Amino acid sequence: MPEKTETPVPAATGDAGAAARSSLTRYLVSELMRGEREVILEHRGQDYRLRITEAGKLILSK
């Protein structure tokens, strides 16, 4: 299991959702992917594909 990190997210002035986001557990994509460009995530018995594009963006598909 990848190590999770608890990194507070700085709150922007007037951002009501910032406090809620700062308490979320943060996972590093590099830890999940372990050097791969594509992995399978299982959720409730369904497989989902998480892929890093050539542009560095994340795509999650069923």
C-alpha atoms as a PDB file:
ATOM      1  CA  MET A   1       0.000   0.000   0.000  1.00  0.00           C
ATOM      2  CA  PRO A   2       1.433   3.403  -0.923  1.00  0.00           C
ATOM      3  CA  GLU A   3       2.360   5.724   1.885  1.00  0.00           C
ATOM      4  CA  LYS A   4      -0.102   8.534   2.430  1.00  0.00           C
ATOM      5  CA  THR A   5       0.969  12.004   3.355  1.00  0.00           C
ATOM      6  CA  GLU A   6      -0.947  14.619   5.280  1.00  0.00           C
ATOM      7  CA  THR A   7      -0.040  17.917   3.645  1.00  0.00           C
ATOM      8  CA  PRO A   8      -2.169  20.918   4.561  1.00  0.00           C
ATOM      9  CA  VAL A   9      -3.434  22.901   1.606  1.00  0.00           C
ATOM     10  CA  PRO A  10      -3.098  26.650   2.152  1.00  0.00           C
ATOM     11  CA  ALA A  11      -6.444  28.408   2.306  1.00  0.00           C
ATOM     12  CA  ALA A  12      -7.100  31.165  -0.207  1.00  0.00           C
ATOM     13  CA  THR A  13      -8.864  34.277   1.046  1.00  0.00           C
ATOM     14  CA  GLY A  14     -12.623  33.869   0.721  1.00  0.00           C
ATOM     15  CA  ASP A  15     -12.426  30.162  -0.216  1.00  0.00           C
ATOM     16  CA  ALA A  16     -15.103  28.466   1.897  1.00  0.00           C
ATOM     17  CA  GLY A  17     -14.102  24.942   0.804  1.00  0.00           C
ATOM     18  CA  ALA A  18     -10.393  25.339   1.646  1.00  0.00           C
ATOM     19  CA  ALA A  19     -10.800  24.260   5.273  1.00  0.00           C
ATOM     20  CA  ALA A  20     -12.532  21.030   4.253  1.00  0.00           C
ATOM     21  CA  ARG A  21      -9.915  20.261   1.573  1.00  0.00           C
ATOM     22  CA  SER A  22      -7.002  20.781   3.969  1.00  0.00           C
ATOM     23  CA  SER A  23      -8.172  17.885   6.159  1.00  0.00           C
ATOM     24  CA  LEU A  24      -8.280  15.363   3.281  1.00  0.00           C
ATOM     25  CA  THR A  25      -5.684  12.607   3.034  1.00  0.00           C
ATOM     26  CA  ARG A  26      -3.298  13.235   0.148  1.00  0.00           C
ATOM     27  CA  TYR A  27      -1.827  10.425  -1.971  1.00  0.00           C
ATOM     28  CA  LEU A  28       1.113  10.980  -4.303  1.00  0.00           C
ATOM     29  CA  VAL A  29       0.347   9.794  -7.830  1.00  0.00           C
ATOM     30  CA  SER A  30       3.960   8.699  -8.193  1.00  0.00           C
ATOM     31  CA  GLU A  31       3.474   6.320  -5.246  1.00  0.00           C
ATOM     32  CA  LEU A  32       0.270   4.879  -6.719  1.00  0.00           C
ATOM     33  CA  MET A  33       1.735   4.467 -10.187  1.00  0.00           C
ATOM     34  CA  ARG A  34       5.150   3.093  -9.075  1.00  0.00           C
ATOM     35  CA  GLY A  35       6.850   4.243 -12.270  1.00  0.00           C
ATOM     36  CA  GLU A  36       4.091   2.977 -14.596  1.00  0.00           C
ATOM     37  CA  ARG A  37       2.012   5.132 -16.953  1.00  0.00           C
ATOM     38  CA  GLU A  38      -1.177   3.132 -16.347  1.00  0.00           C
ATOM     39  CA  VAL A  39      -2.666   1.210 -13.392  1.00  0.00           C
ATOM     40  CA  ILE A  40      -5.946  -0.514 -12.565  1.00  0.00           C
ATOM     41  CA  LEU A  41      -7.911   0.660  -9.525  1.00  0.00           C
ATOM     42  CA  GLU A  42     -10.630  -1.615  -8.161  1.00  0.00           C
ATOM     43  CA  HIS A  43     -13.689  -0.036  -6.547  1.00  0.00           C
ATOM     44  CA  ARG A  44     -16.737  -2.057  -5.459  1.00  0.00           C
ATOM     45  CA  GLY A  45     -15.777  -4.933  -7.738  1.00  0.00           C
ATOM     46  CA  GLN A  46     -15.341  -2.686 -10.800  1.00  0.00           C
ATOM     47  CA  ASP A  47     -12.019  -1.994 -12.508  1.00  0.00           C
ATOM     48  CA  TYR A  48     -11.037   1.570 -13.360  1.00  0.00           C
ATOM     49  CA  ARG A  49      -7.972   2.524 -15.413  1.00  0.00           C
ATOM     50  CA  LEU A  50      -5.864   5.477 -14.234  1.00  0.00           C
ATOM     51  CA  ARG A  51      -3.510   6.693 -16.940  1.00  0.00           C
ATOM     52  CA  ILE A  52      -0.950   9.492 -17.260  1.00  0.00           C
ATOM     53  CA  THR A  53      -1.084  11.050 -20.725  1.00  0.00           C
ATOM     54  CA  GLU A  54       1.948  12.214 -22.695  1.00  0.00           C
ATOM     55  CA  ALA A  55       0.956  15.763 -21.655  1.00  0.00           C
ATOM     56  CA  GLY A  56       1.169  14.694 -17.972  1.00  0.00           C
ATOM     57  CA  LYS A  57      -2.576  14.800 -17.329  1.00  0.00           C
ATOM     58  CA  LEU A  58      -4.516  12.111 -15.462  1.00  0.00           C
ATOM     59  CA  ILE A  59      -7.330  10.170 -17.121  1.00  0.00           C
ATOM     60  CA  LEU A  60      -9.624   7.864 -15.115  1.00  0.00           C
ATOM     61  CA  SER A  61     -11.834   5.593 -17.193  1.00  0.00           C
ATOM     62  CA  LYS A  62     -14.034   2.584 -16.587  1.00  0.00           C
END
